[in-house]
Amino acid sequence: MLNYWSIKCPKTGGLKIPGVLILLLLGTTSIRAQFSPGPLSDAHAHLEGITKCLSCHTFGSNDLAPNCLECHIPIQNRIDEKIGYHGLLEDKSCSKCHLEHAGKKYQLIQWEPDKESFDHKHTGYALTGKHQSIDCEECHQSKNVRTPDILEYDRQHPDADVVSTTFLGLPTACSECHTDVHRNEFPDQTCDNCHGTADWAVVRTTFNHTTQTQYPLVGAHQTLDCGQCHSQKQTPVEGIQVRKFGGLTFDGCLDCHKDYHHGQFDDNCLQCHTMDSFKSPKAGVVDHSKTRFPLVGKHQTVDCLACHQSGDNASPLQFENCTDCHEDHHEGAFRNRTAGFQCDECHSELGFAPPRYTLMQHQKTSFPLTGAHLALPCIMCHEDEAGKSLYFWDAVTCQACHENPHGNQFSRYEKEINWCESCHTTNAWGTLIFDHASTNFPLMGRHGRIACGECHTKQGAFVQYAGISTDCESCHIDIHDGQFKLLDSVNPCQRCHGFETWQIDDFDHDELTRFPLSGQHENVVCEKCHFLEQAGPGKKKRTVRFTPIAHDCQDCHKLGR
């Protein structure tokens, strides 16, 4: 009777083969080599031996096709569900990628051309963004294996260390690998609703608040930084801190904005305001003509907040007087007027300048405008050197505005209020009304035709007008070398000379001298008696002798000849 050895078969549970056949198969090395092409890898080492061939191979098969999926149940599950790399393969022949009997240290996975070139999209999970640049082992770790059938398979085969060698069982949800820094604030959403794999923070520019939230951003809200509304922060997770994005109340404007009107109006801000700008109310919403202060002139173009101040210090407006809002640029200069102080006497809402104050009004003041003063801008007189308004003077004199170019020459006349007007007019400073005849030196002859500056020259810082000598010698050279200084006369020159010409056309020798000309003396030329003297001791220059002249006959005539 033959002895049968039993070989366990995954399908039948067992198979009886005559022992003698087994012995024959093992009897020679050549037969054993033909039956087994080589040693199994370490992963299948427990199946080594001729008696265990049918644990993997199908008995009676022409190609001895292995029954890998009889043991590798998780792979079979994915093929059945058509998921993952194996489930999506068209050719599901295991031996195409996994060869056996090639040695104990042989790696069962055949990467073509290599693992780094593997196209992950064939697994049904394409690597995009930053996932493309990380190493396989960063994700494919035993701690990341989460699929129940893989974990169960690992539990059933404790010696195989399945979770450390398999590429299966990894979840595809972001939160399975990445820390949820939002602390489960979005339980019904996945990370890729907002984030991408290229840049986690790009959501700041790509997030569509209109389609992805219940509060579309309109107007000025579109330009706000996220943190201005989402100011509350989550508790940091692994050193990463984000803001809280859910749970905001946005039923009304006052949920976020402060009520600057302090309850004066209802909470429907959009009745007057728009989303574009809180400072600019809707056109036509506020009819100021129905208030106690209708807007006129430039008040119509003033921004509302220029008058209606915002903030905790806002108080009811006072508008009885212009100075309730406007600064008094006159610094109270008109407060004590008998007629009272009202800005609209000179100004209007059309503009502070030019004033409404007329020339006719100015002519009624203590300083009527005449001449060139009529052409001056008001500010030329009504503003001091510091830029402050000036409307009242201690004395309305020329010196109050104009610099005195004459120094102290006319100080004796300053008792007169406007002594400048004795010479000048308001038409032009250079146009003089001065009458030289009113001085002690009336201008006669050629003196009346020469320019003032010929006599009135600059002495120091000022042109000299007062204190000028009226003697001829103060301007003219004494060609007589002092011969007539002994004459009892203020201006002895005028006894002989006139103001039109220096030449003496009709000298009256009888009247002006002590030697009347008579007889033949009348026909004697002047040079016979008045001769040219030579310069000598005590004489500065050569000059004609006029005085003293000897009057005795013998002084000129030689007796007896």
Protein backbone atom coordinates (compact mmCIF):
# COMPACT_ATOMS: atom_id res chain seq x y z
CA MET A 1 0.00 0.00 0.00
CA LEU A 2 1.41 3.39 -0.99
CA ASN A 3 2.17 6.02 1.63
CA TYR A 4 0.60 9.38 0.83
CA TRP A 5 1.93 12.72 2.01
CA SER A 6 -0.54 15.45 2.46
CA ILE A 7 0.17 18.94 0.95
CA LYS A 8 -1.98 21.84 2.06
CA CYS A 9 -3.73 23.62 -0.72
CA PRO A 10 -5.41 27.02 -0.20
CA LYS A 11 -8.37 26.00 -2.32
CA THR A 12 -8.95 22.32 -1.43
CA GLY A 13 -7.48 22.45 2.01
CA GLY A 14 -5.21 19.46 1.23
CA LEU A 15 -3.91 17.16 -1.52
CA LYS A 16 -2.57 13.62 -1.17
CA ILE A 17 0.40 12.70 -3.36
CA PRO A 18 2.04 9.29 -3.24
CA GLY A 19 5.16 9.46 -1.12
CA VAL A 20 7.11 7.41 -3.58
CA LEU A 21 6.49 10.08 -6.21
CA ILE A 22 7.84 12.68 -3.89
CA LEU A 23 10.90 10.57 -3.20
CA LEU A 24 11.48 10.12 -6.88
CA LEU A 25 11.20 13.83 -7.43
CA LEU A 26 13.73 14.47 -4.70
CA GLY A 27 15.99 11.59 -5.57
CA THR A 28 18.30 13.51 -7.83
CA THR A 29 19.60 17.08 -7.89
CA SER A 30 18.78 17.49 -11.55
CA ILE A 31 15.17 16.59 -10.99
CA ARG A 32 14.94 18.92 -8.02
CA ALA A 33 16.44 21.79 -10.03
CA GLN A 34 13.97 21.30 -12.82
CA PHE A 35 11.06 21.26 -10.39
CA SER A 36 12.10 24.48 -8.53
CA PRO A 37 13.78 27.21 -10.64
CA GLY A 38 15.48 28.79 -7.63
CA PRO A 39 15.24 29.79 -3.97
CA LEU A 40 12.35 31.94 -2.84
CA SER A 41 12.81 35.47 -1.49
CA ASP A 42 12.98 36.05 2.24
CA ALA A 43 9.37 37.20 2.21
CA HIS A 44 8.25 33.77 0.96
CA ALA A 45 10.96 31.72 2.67
CA HIS A 46 8.39 29.97 4.81
CA LEU A 47 7.02 28.41 1.59
CA GLU A 48 10.38 26.96 0.54
CA GLY A 49 10.37 23.20 -0.17
CA ILE A 50 9.05 20.82 -2.81
CA THR A 51 6.18 19.82 -0.63
CA LYS A 52 4.87 23.43 -0.53
CA CYS A 53 4.84 24.24 -4.25
CA LEU A 54 1.11 23.89 -4.48
CA SER A 55 0.73 26.51 -1.75
CA CYS A 56 1.25 29.05 -4.51
CA HIS A 57 1.13 27.18 -7.84
CA THR A 58 -1.94 25.61 -9.41
CA PHE A 59 -1.56 21.86 -9.83
CA GLY A 60 -2.07 20.78 -13.40
CA SER A 61 -1.57 24.29 -14.85
CA ASN A 62 0.55 24.51 -17.99
CA ASP A 63 2.41 27.59 -16.73
CA LEU A 64 2.15 26.79 -13.03
CA ALA A 65 0.51 30.23 -12.59
CA PRO A 66 0.80 31.36 -8.95
CA ASN A 67 -2.26 31.99 -6.87
CA CYS A 68 -0.86 35.17 -5.27
CA LEU A 69 -4.25 36.66 -4.54
CA GLU A 70 -5.20 33.61 -2.48
CA CYS A 71 -2.93 34.97 0.22
CA HIS A 72 -2.65 38.67 -0.66
CA ILE A 73 -6.25 39.45 0.21
CA PRO A 74 -5.82 43.30 0.40
CA ILE A 75 -4.65 43.28 -3.24
CA GLN A 76 -7.65 41.22 -4.24
CA ASN A 77 -9.90 43.67 -2.42
CA ARG A 78 -8.52 46.62 -4.42
CA ILE A 79 -8.86 44.76 -7.69
CA ASP A 80 -12.45 43.95 -6.86
CA GLU A 81 -13.16 47.59 -5.93
CA LYS A 82 -11.13 48.88 -8.91
CA ILE A 83 -9.18 51.30 -6.75
CA GLY A 84 -5.50 51.95 -6.25
CA TYR A 85 -2.69 50.89 -8.50
CA HIS A 86 -3.68 47.20 -8.72
CA GLY A 87 -7.35 47.92 -9.18
CA LEU A 88 -6.67 50.21 -12.14
CA LEU A 89 -4.25 47.87 -13.99
CA GLU A 90 -5.44 46.33 -17.22
CA ASP A 91 -2.95 43.46 -17.02
CA LYS A 92 -3.35 42.00 -13.57
CA SER A 93 -0.69 39.29 -13.93
CA CYS A 94 1.29 39.44 -10.69
CA SER A 95 4.45 37.95 -12.15
CA LYS A 96 4.82 40.83 -14.56
CA CYS A 97 6.05 43.02 -11.70
CA HIS A 98 6.75 40.49 -8.94
CA LEU A 99 9.21 37.67 -9.82
CA GLU A 100 10.12 34.81 -7.51
CA HIS A 101 12.73 32.04 -7.29
CA ALA A 102 15.42 34.68 -7.98
CA GLY A 103 17.19 34.45 -4.69
CA LYS A 104 16.58 35.12 -1.03
CA LYS A 105 17.63 38.79 -1.17
CA TYR A 106 15.80 39.52 -4.36
CA GLN A 107 13.34 42.44 -4.18
CA LEU A 108 9.91 41.29 -5.25
CA ILE A 109 8.86 44.67 -6.70
CA GLN A 110 10.23 45.43 -10.15
CA TRP A 111 10.31 49.22 -10.67
CA GLU A 112 10.47 50.19 -14.30
CA PRO A 113 12.72 52.00 -14.89
CA ASP A 114 13.19 52.86 -11.16
CA LYS A 115 11.16 53.80 -8.11
CA GLU A 116 11.93 57.53 -8.41
CA SER A 117 10.40 57.58 -11.92
CA PHE A 118 7.17 55.92 -10.90
CA ASP A 119 4.13 57.89 -12.07
CA HIS A 120 1.96 58.15 -8.99
CA LYS A 121 -1.16 59.03 -10.97
CA HIS A 122 -1.47 55.29 -11.79
CA THR A 123 -2.45 54.76 -8.15
CA GLY A 124 -5.47 57.03 -8.53
CA TYR A 125 -3.76 59.73 -6.41
CA ALA A 126 -1.68 62.01 -8.64
CA LEU A 127 1.11 63.94 -6.90
CA THR A 128 0.77 67.67 -7.43
CA GLY A 129 2.42 70.79 -6.08
CA LYS A 130 4.89 70.21 -3.27
CA HIS A 131 3.96 66.51 -3.10
CA GLN A 132 6.06 66.02 -6.24
CA SER A 133 9.29 67.02 -4.55
CA ILE A 134 9.16 64.84 -1.42
CA ASP A 135 10.67 61.35 -1.07
CA CYS A 136 8.40 58.31 -1.13
CA GLU A 137 9.42 57.34 2.40
CA GLU A 138 8.14 60.64 3.82
CA CYS A 139 4.59 59.42 3.24
CA HIS A 140 4.99 55.64 2.98
CA GLN A 141 5.72 54.93 6.64
CA SER A 142 4.18 52.31 8.89
CA LYS A 143 2.61 55.01 11.10
CA ASN A 144 0.66 56.34 8.13
CA VAL A 145 -0.98 53.02 7.20
CA ARG A 146 -4.63 53.45 8.19
CA THR A 147 -6.74 51.18 5.92
CA PRO A 148 -8.56 48.51 8.01
CA ASP A 149 -7.92 45.50 5.70
CA ILE A 150 -4.17 46.22 5.65
CA LEU A 151 -4.07 46.52 9.41
CA GLU A 152 -6.05 43.29 9.75
CA TYR A 153 -3.69 41.52 7.33
CA ASP A 154 -0.73 42.75 9.37
CA ARG A 155 -2.36 41.40 12.53
CA GLN A 156 -2.83 37.97 10.91
CA HIS A 157 0.79 37.84 9.76
CA PRO A 158 2.77 39.21 12.69
CA ASP A 159 6.07 37.80 11.41
CA ALA A 160 5.84 39.50 8.01
CA ASP A 161 5.86 43.12 9.30
CA VAL A 162 3.42 44.07 6.59
CA VAL A 163 2.95 47.75 7.54
CA SER A 164 6.69 48.41 7.22
CA THR A 165 6.99 47.03 3.71
CA THR A 166 3.71 47.76 2.01
CA PHE A 167 2.93 50.78 -0.17
CA LEU A 168 -0.77 50.29 0.43
CA GLY A 169 -3.11 51.52 3.11
CA LEU A 170 -2.31 55.27 3.05
CA PRO A 171 -5.28 57.64 3.30
CA THR A 172 -5.71 60.44 0.74
CA ALA A 173 -7.39 63.03 2.96
CA CYS A 174 -5.11 66.02 3.81
CA SER A 175 -5.96 65.91 7.48
CA GLU A 176 -4.78 62.27 7.72
CA CYS A 177 -1.20 63.42 7.12
CA HIS A 178 -1.26 67.11 7.93
CA THR A 179 -2.14 68.65 11.28
CA ASP A 180 -5.52 70.37 11.32
CA VAL A 181 -4.42 73.84 12.38
CA HIS A 182 -8.06 74.98 12.20
CA ARG A 183 -8.94 72.62 15.06
CA ASN A 184 -11.88 71.01 13.27
CA GLU A 185 -13.52 74.35 12.55
CA PHE A 186 -14.61 73.03 9.14
CA PRO A 187 -15.80 69.45 9.78
CA ASP A 188 -17.98 69.34 6.66
CA GLN A 189 -15.26 70.53 4.28
CA THR A 190 -12.02 69.16 2.98
CA CYS A 191 -8.79 71.09 2.94
CA ASP A 192 -8.73 71.34 -0.85
CA ASN A 193 -11.89 73.43 -0.74
CA CYS A 194 -9.60 76.34 0.12
CA HIS A 195 -5.99 75.19 -0.10
CA GLY A 196 -3.82 73.77 -2.86
CA THR A 197 -0.78 71.55 -2.83
CA ALA A 198 1.50 74.16 -4.42
CA ASP A 199 1.25 76.80 -1.69
CA TRP A 200 -0.77 76.45 1.47
CA ALA A 201 -1.05 80.22 2.01
CA VAL A 202 -2.17 81.09 -1.54
CA VAL A 203 -5.73 80.88 -0.26
CA ARG A 204 -5.38 84.51 0.80
CA THR A 205 -5.56 85.52 -2.86
CA THR A 206 -7.62 82.69 -4.35
CA PHE A 207 -10.35 82.34 -1.75
CA ASN A 208 -13.67 83.54 -3.13
CA HIS A 209 -15.59 85.08 -0.27
CA THR A 210 -18.67 85.47 -2.46
CA THR A 211 -19.10 81.85 -3.52
CA GLN A 212 -17.48 80.11 -0.57
CA THR A 213 -19.17 81.93 2.32
CA GLN A 214 -22.55 83.30 3.29
CA TYR A 215 -21.20 86.88 3.30
CA PRO A 216 -20.16 88.22 -0.12
CA LEU A 217 -17.63 91.04 0.13
CA VAL A 218 -18.94 94.26 -1.44
CA GLY A 219 -17.45 97.75 -1.81
CA ALA A 220 -14.71 98.69 0.64
CA HIS A 221 -14.94 95.24 2.26
CA GLN A 222 -13.15 93.85 -0.80
CA THR A 223 -9.92 95.67 0.04
CA LEU A 224 -9.77 94.74 3.71
CA ASP A 225 -7.13 92.40 5.03
CA CYS A 226 -8.62 89.14 6.30
CA GLY A 227 -7.30 89.79 9.79
CA GLN A 228 -9.32 93.01 10.15
CA CYS A 229 -12.52 90.99 10.47
CA HIS A 230 -11.11 87.62 11.46
CA SER A 231 -9.15 88.96 14.39
CA GLN A 232 -9.70 86.09 16.84
CA LYS A 233 -6.87 83.55 16.80
CA GLN A 234 -6.93 79.80 17.28
CA THR A 235 -4.73 78.12 19.86
CA PRO A 236 -1.39 77.31 18.15
CA VAL A 237 -0.96 73.75 16.89
CA GLU A 238 2.64 72.51 16.66
CA GLY A 239 3.84 76.10 16.55
CA ILE A 240 1.41 77.09 13.81
CA GLN A 241 -1.25 79.65 14.62
CA VAL A 242 -4.17 80.59 12.40
CA ARG A 243 -7.20 82.79 12.86
CA LYS A 244 -10.70 81.70 13.55
CA PHE A 245 -12.83 82.08 10.44
CA GLY A 246 -16.22 80.78 11.47
CA GLY A 247 -18.74 81.95 14.02
CA LEU A 248 -18.81 85.64 13.03
CA THR A 249 -22.08 87.55 13.32
CA PHE A 250 -22.85 89.67 10.29
CA ASP A 251 -26.59 90.31 10.31
CA GLY A 252 -26.11 94.08 10.65
CA CYS A 253 -23.38 96.70 10.21
CA LEU A 254 -23.22 97.29 13.95
CA ASP A 255 -22.11 93.69 14.47
CA CYS A 256 -18.68 94.88 13.33
CA HIS A 257 -18.82 98.67 13.15
CA LYS A 258 -19.12 101.15 15.97
CA ASP A 259 -22.25 103.30 16.10
CA TYR A 260 -20.76 106.76 15.67
CA HIS A 261 -24.22 108.29 15.87
CA HIS A 262 -24.67 107.00 19.43
CA GLY A 263 -28.15 105.64 18.79
CA GLN A 264 -29.53 108.76 17.11
CA PHE A 265 -30.71 106.61 14.18
CA ASP A 266 -31.82 103.01 13.73
CA ASP A 267 -29.31 100.25 13.06
CA ASN A 268 -29.97 100.06 9.32
CA CYS A 269 -26.86 101.97 8.26
CA LEU A 270 -27.46 101.29 4.58
CA GLN A 271 -30.33 103.74 4.56
CA CYS A 272 -27.77 106.53 4.39
CA HIS A 273 -24.43 104.86 3.76
CA THR A 274 -23.02 102.53 1.12
CA MET A 275 -20.53 99.71 1.27
CA ASP A 276 -18.08 101.82 -0.74
CA SER A 277 -17.40 104.41 1.94
CA PHE A 278 -18.89 105.17 5.31
CA LYS A 279 -17.77 108.79 5.01
CA SER A 280 -19.77 109.44 1.84
CA PRO A 281 -23.53 109.05 2.36
CA LYS A 282 -25.82 108.15 -0.47
CA ALA A 283 -26.60 110.97 -2.85
CA GLY A 284 -29.83 112.67 -1.93
CA VAL A 285 -30.23 110.86 1.36
CA VAL A 286 -29.61 113.90 3.52
CA ASP A 287 -31.58 117.01 2.51
CA HIS A 288 -29.79 119.67 4.48
CA SER A 289 -32.24 122.33 3.35
CA LYS A 290 -34.76 120.77 5.71
CA THR A 291 -32.49 121.27 8.69
CA ARG A 292 -31.99 124.43 10.71
CA PHE A 293 -28.80 125.08 8.78
CA PRO A 294 -29.37 125.02 4.99
CA LEU A 295 -26.11 124.62 3.10
CA VAL A 296 -25.20 127.66 1.00
CA GLY A 297 -22.14 128.43 -1.11
CA LYS A 298 -19.01 126.53 -0.19
CA HIS A 299 -20.81 124.76 2.63
CA GLN A 300 -22.36 122.59 -0.08
CA THR A 301 -18.98 121.10 -1.03
CA VAL A 302 -17.65 120.51 2.48
CA ASP A 303 -17.30 116.89 3.54
CA CYS A 304 -19.92 115.93 6.10
CA LEU A 305 -17.34 114.85 8.66
CA ALA A 306 -15.70 118.27 8.53
CA CYS A 307 -18.68 119.52 10.57
CA HIS A 308 -20.19 116.32 11.92
CA GLN A 309 -17.24 115.03 13.86
CA SER A 310 -17.11 111.36 14.72
CA GLY A 311 -15.91 109.62 17.82
CA ASP A 312 -16.73 109.57 21.50
CA ASN A 313 -16.16 113.32 21.83
CA ALA A 314 -18.78 114.25 19.24
CA SER A 315 -21.23 116.80 20.63
CA PRO A 316 -24.29 118.64 19.30
CA LEU A 317 -23.32 121.21 16.70
CA GLN A 318 -23.39 124.93 17.47
CA PHE A 319 -23.94 127.13 14.43
CA GLU A 320 -25.42 130.43 15.64
CA ASN A 321 -22.18 132.27 14.83
CA CYS A 322 -19.57 131.72 12.15
CA THR A 323 -16.91 131.44 14.84
CA ASP A 324 -18.70 128.36 16.23
CA CYS A 325 -17.02 126.47 13.39
CA HIS A 326 -14.53 128.86 11.84
CA GLU A 327 -11.42 130.33 13.40
CA ASP A 328 -11.48 134.08 13.90
CA HIS A 329 -8.57 135.11 11.69
CA HIS A 330 -8.98 138.66 12.94
CA GLU A 331 -8.20 137.49 16.48
CA GLY A 332 -11.05 139.43 18.03
CA ALA A 333 -10.17 142.73 16.38
CA PHE A 334 -13.84 143.51 15.67
CA ARG A 335 -15.49 142.17 18.82
CA ASN A 336 -15.77 145.58 20.42
CA ARG A 337 -17.35 147.32 17.48
CA THR A 338 -20.30 149.51 18.37
CA ALA A 339 -22.33 147.95 15.55
CA GLY A 340 -21.56 144.45 16.77
CA PHE A 341 -19.48 141.68 15.31
CA GLN A 342 -20.97 139.74 12.40
CA CYS A 343 -18.72 138.05 9.84
CA ASP A 344 -21.32 138.36 7.08
CA GLU A 345 -20.85 142.13 7.05
CA CYS A 346 -17.64 141.54 5.12
CA HIS A 347 -17.70 137.85 4.11
CA SER A 348 -20.14 135.40 2.54
CA GLU A 349 -20.55 131.63 2.24
CA LEU A 350 -19.22 131.88 -1.32
CA GLY A 351 -15.73 132.26 0.05
CA PHE A 352 -13.76 133.97 2.77
CA ALA A 353 -11.88 135.92 0.08
CA PRO A 354 -12.41 138.29 -1.53
CA PRO A 355 -14.34 140.08 1.20
CA ARG A 356 -17.61 141.84 0.60
CA TYR A 357 -16.21 144.97 2.22
CA THR A 358 -16.50 147.66 -0.47
CA LEU A 359 -14.39 150.63 -1.43
CA MET A 360 -17.22 152.93 -0.48
CA GLN A 361 -17.13 151.50 3.04
CA HIS A 362 -13.39 152.00 3.24
CA GLN A 363 -13.76 155.62 2.16
CA LYS A 364 -15.79 156.23 5.29
CA THR A 365 -12.95 155.13 7.55
CA SER A 366 -10.22 157.35 8.98
CA PHE A 367 -8.03 156.38 6.01
CA PRO A 368 -9.82 156.87 2.66
CA LEU A 369 -7.96 155.19 -0.19
CA THR A 370 -6.49 157.45 -2.85
CA GLY A 371 -3.97 157.15 -5.64
CA ALA A 372 -1.88 153.99 -5.73
CA HIS A 373 -3.50 152.78 -2.52
CA LEU A 374 -6.59 151.96 -4.56
CA ALA A 375 -4.68 149.31 -6.54
CA LEU A 376 -3.15 147.50 -3.55
CA PRO A 377 -4.48 144.14 -2.33
CA CYS A 378 -5.97 144.43 1.14
CA ILE A 379 -3.36 142.07 2.57
CA MET A 380 -0.57 144.50 1.70
CA CYS A 381 -1.70 146.76 4.53
CA HIS A 382 -3.82 144.47 6.67
CA GLU A 383 -1.15 141.91 7.54
CA ASP A 384 1.92 142.36 9.70
CA GLU A 385 5.37 140.87 9.19
CA ALA A 386 4.39 137.76 11.19
CA GLY A 387 1.43 137.09 8.90
CA LYS A 388 -1.22 138.15 11.41
CA SER A 389 -4.18 140.27 10.43
CA LEU A 390 -3.85 143.96 11.18
CA TYR A 391 -6.77 146.38 11.08
CA PHE A 392 -6.06 148.97 13.78
CA TRP A 393 -3.06 151.24 14.17
CA ASP A 394 -2.04 153.66 16.91
CA ALA A 395 -1.74 156.36 14.24
CA VAL A 396 -2.74 156.19 10.59
CA THR A 397 0.42 157.73 9.19
CA CYS A 398 2.64 157.03 6.22
CA GLN A 399 5.31 155.69 8.56
CA ALA A 400 2.90 153.02 9.80
CA CYS A 401 3.38 151.20 6.49
CA HIS A 402 6.26 152.88 4.70
CA GLU A 403 9.88 153.10 5.72
CA ASN A 404 11.23 156.60 6.25
CA PRO A 405 14.00 157.12 3.65
CA HIS A 406 15.01 160.50 5.03
CA GLY A 407 16.25 159.53 8.47
CA ASN A 408 15.87 162.28 11.05
CA GLN A 409 16.20 165.20 8.64
CA PHE A 410 12.54 166.17 9.01
CA SER A 411 11.97 165.10 12.59
CA ARG A 412 11.01 168.67 13.52
CA TYR A 413 7.97 168.29 11.29
CA GLU A 414 6.74 164.99 12.78
CA LYS A 415 4.32 166.82 15.01
CA GLU A 416 2.25 167.07 11.86
CA ILE A 417 0.23 163.85 11.34
CA ASN A 418 1.15 163.29 7.70
CA TRP A 419 4.17 165.48 7.11
CA CYS A 420 5.20 163.21 4.16
CA GLU A 421 2.35 164.72 2.17
CA SER A 422 4.17 168.04 2.17
CA CYS A 423 6.27 166.66 -0.68
CA HIS A 424 4.75 163.39 -1.83
CA THR A 425 1.38 162.18 -3.13
CA THR A 426 -0.32 158.76 -3.02
CA ASN A 427 -0.23 158.54 -6.82
CA ALA A 428 3.48 157.79 -6.98
CA TRP A 429 6.33 158.25 -4.56
CA GLY A 430 8.53 159.89 -7.17
CA THR A 431 5.95 162.49 -8.12
CA LEU A 432 6.67 165.48 -5.86
CA ILE A 433 4.52 168.48 -5.07
CA PHE A 434 7.34 170.24 -3.20
CA ASP A 435 7.70 173.97 -3.85
CA HIS A 436 11.32 174.98 -3.46
CA ALA A 437 10.22 178.59 -3.21
CA SER A 438 8.92 177.77 0.26
CA THR A 439 12.51 177.30 1.42
CA ASN A 440 15.15 179.91 2.08
CA PHE A 441 16.67 179.10 -1.31
CA PRO A 442 14.17 179.69 -4.11
CA LEU A 443 15.28 178.14 -7.38
CA MET A 444 15.98 180.83 -9.97
CA GLY A 445 17.43 180.71 -13.43
CA ARG A 446 19.32 177.59 -14.27
CA HIS A 447 18.85 176.32 -10.73
CA GLY A 448 15.23 175.58 -11.58
CA ARG A 449 16.23 173.33 -14.46
CA ILE A 450 18.81 171.05 -12.91
CA ALA A 451 17.98 167.66 -11.35
CA CYS A 452 17.44 167.56 -7.60
CA GLY A 453 20.24 165.01 -7.22
CA GLU A 454 22.77 167.55 -8.48
CA CYS A 455 22.51 169.38 -5.18
CA HIS A 456 20.86 166.78 -2.92
CA THR A 457 23.42 164.01 -2.85
CA LYS A 458 23.63 160.94 -0.66
CA GLN A 459 25.43 161.56 2.59
CA GLY A 460 25.90 158.31 4.42
CA ALA A 461 22.69 156.22 4.39
CA PHE A 462 20.35 159.04 3.28
CA VAL A 463 20.09 161.72 0.60
CA GLN A 464 20.59 165.08 2.27
CA TYR A 465 17.75 167.60 1.95
CA ALA A 466 17.86 169.57 5.18
CA GLY A 467 20.88 171.53 6.40
CA ILE A 468 22.41 172.20 2.99
CA SER A 469 24.39 175.43 2.73
CA THR A 470 22.93 178.05 0.40
CA ASP A 471 26.26 179.78 -0.25
CA CYS A 472 27.37 179.72 -3.86
CA GLU A 473 30.75 178.40 -2.79
CA SER A 474 29.10 175.25 -1.32
CA CYS A 475 28.42 174.11 -4.87
CA HIS A 476 30.56 176.36 -7.14
CA ILE A 477 34.32 176.91 -7.21
CA ASP A 478 35.44 180.41 -6.17
CA ILE A 479 37.49 181.43 -9.17
CA HIS A 480 38.27 184.75 -7.47
CA ASP A 481 40.29 183.03 -4.78
CA GLY A 482 38.44 184.68 -1.88
CA GLN A 483 38.82 188.30 -3.09
CA PHE A 484 35.19 189.15 -2.15
CA LYS A 485 34.98 187.47 1.23
CA LEU A 486 35.49 190.78 2.93
CA LEU A 487 32.34 192.18 1.36
CA ASP A 488 29.45 192.60 3.71
CA SER A 489 27.09 190.24 1.86
CA VAL A 490 25.67 186.66 2.36
CA ASN A 491 26.13 185.77 -1.26
CA PRO A 492 28.54 188.36 -2.71
CA CYS A 493 28.51 186.46 -6.00
CA GLN A 494 25.00 187.71 -6.69
CA ARG A 495 26.23 191.34 -6.75
CA CYS A 496 27.86 190.63 -10.07
CA HIS A 497 26.55 187.34 -11.42
CA GLY A 498 23.05 186.12 -12.29
CA PHE A 499 21.44 182.66 -12.27
CA GLU A 500 21.16 182.11 -16.03
CA THR A 501 24.83 182.53 -16.98
CA TRP A 502 28.08 183.16 -15.19
CA GLN A 503 29.18 185.78 -17.67
CA ILE A 504 28.59 189.44 -16.63
CA ASP A 505 26.83 191.18 -19.49
CA ASP A 506 26.12 194.55 -17.89
CA PHE A 507 28.23 195.31 -14.83
CA ASP A 508 27.37 198.68 -13.28
CA HIS A 509 30.79 199.97 -12.20
CA ASP A 510 29.33 203.18 -10.87
CA GLU A 511 26.79 201.46 -8.63
CA LEU A 512 28.75 198.49 -7.44
CA THR A 513 32.20 199.96 -6.88
CA ARG A 514 33.85 202.98 -5.22
CA PHE A 515 35.40 204.03 -8.49
CA PRO A 516 32.79 205.29 -10.95
CA LEU A 517 33.98 205.23 -14.53
CA SER A 518 33.94 208.63 -16.17
CA GLY A 519 35.63 210.37 -18.98
CA GLN A 520 38.05 208.29 -20.86
CA HIS A 521 37.79 205.61 -18.18
CA GLU A 522 34.52 204.53 -19.75
CA ASN A 523 36.33 203.33 -22.82
CA VAL A 524 39.16 201.52 -21.12
CA VAL A 525 38.94 197.74 -21.34
CA CYS A 526 38.62 195.94 -18.02
CA GLU A 527 41.92 194.11 -18.43
CA LYS A 528 43.81 197.42 -18.30
CA CYS A 529 43.03 197.70 -14.62
CA HIS A 530 41.94 194.18 -13.66
CA PHE A 531 45.02 192.22 -14.69
CA LEU A 532 45.84 188.52 -14.24
CA GLU A 533 48.02 187.98 -11.24
CA GLN A 534 50.66 185.35 -11.04
CA ALA A 535 50.37 182.71 -8.34
CA GLY A 536 52.86 183.29 -5.60
CA PRO A 537 53.27 183.28 -1.83
CA GLY A 538 49.83 183.10 -0.29
CA LYS A 539 48.17 182.69 -3.70
CA LYS A 540 46.59 179.35 -4.58
CA LYS A 541 46.28 179.99 -8.28
CA ARG A 542 46.44 182.67 -10.97
CA THR A 543 43.39 184.93 -10.84
CA VAL A 544 42.15 188.25 -12.11
CA ARG A 545 42.64 191.04 -9.62
CA PHE A 546 39.32 192.79 -8.82
CA THR A 547 39.83 193.85 -5.28
CA PRO A 548 41.51 195.60 -3.69
CA ILE A 549 42.43 197.97 -6.52
CA ALA A 550 44.32 201.23 -5.99
CA HIS A 551 42.19 204.24 -6.86
CA ASP A 552 44.76 207.03 -6.94
CA CYS A 553 45.75 208.38 -10.35
CA GLN A 554 49.42 207.83 -9.81
CA ASP A 555 48.72 204.17 -9.05
CA CYS A 556 48.04 203.74 -12.74
CA HIS A 557 49.46 206.89 -14.40
CA LYS A 558 53.05 208.01 -14.16
CA LEU A 559 53.18 211.77 -13.57
CA GLY A 560 55.26 214.00 -15.86
CA ARG A 561 55.34 211.55 -18.65
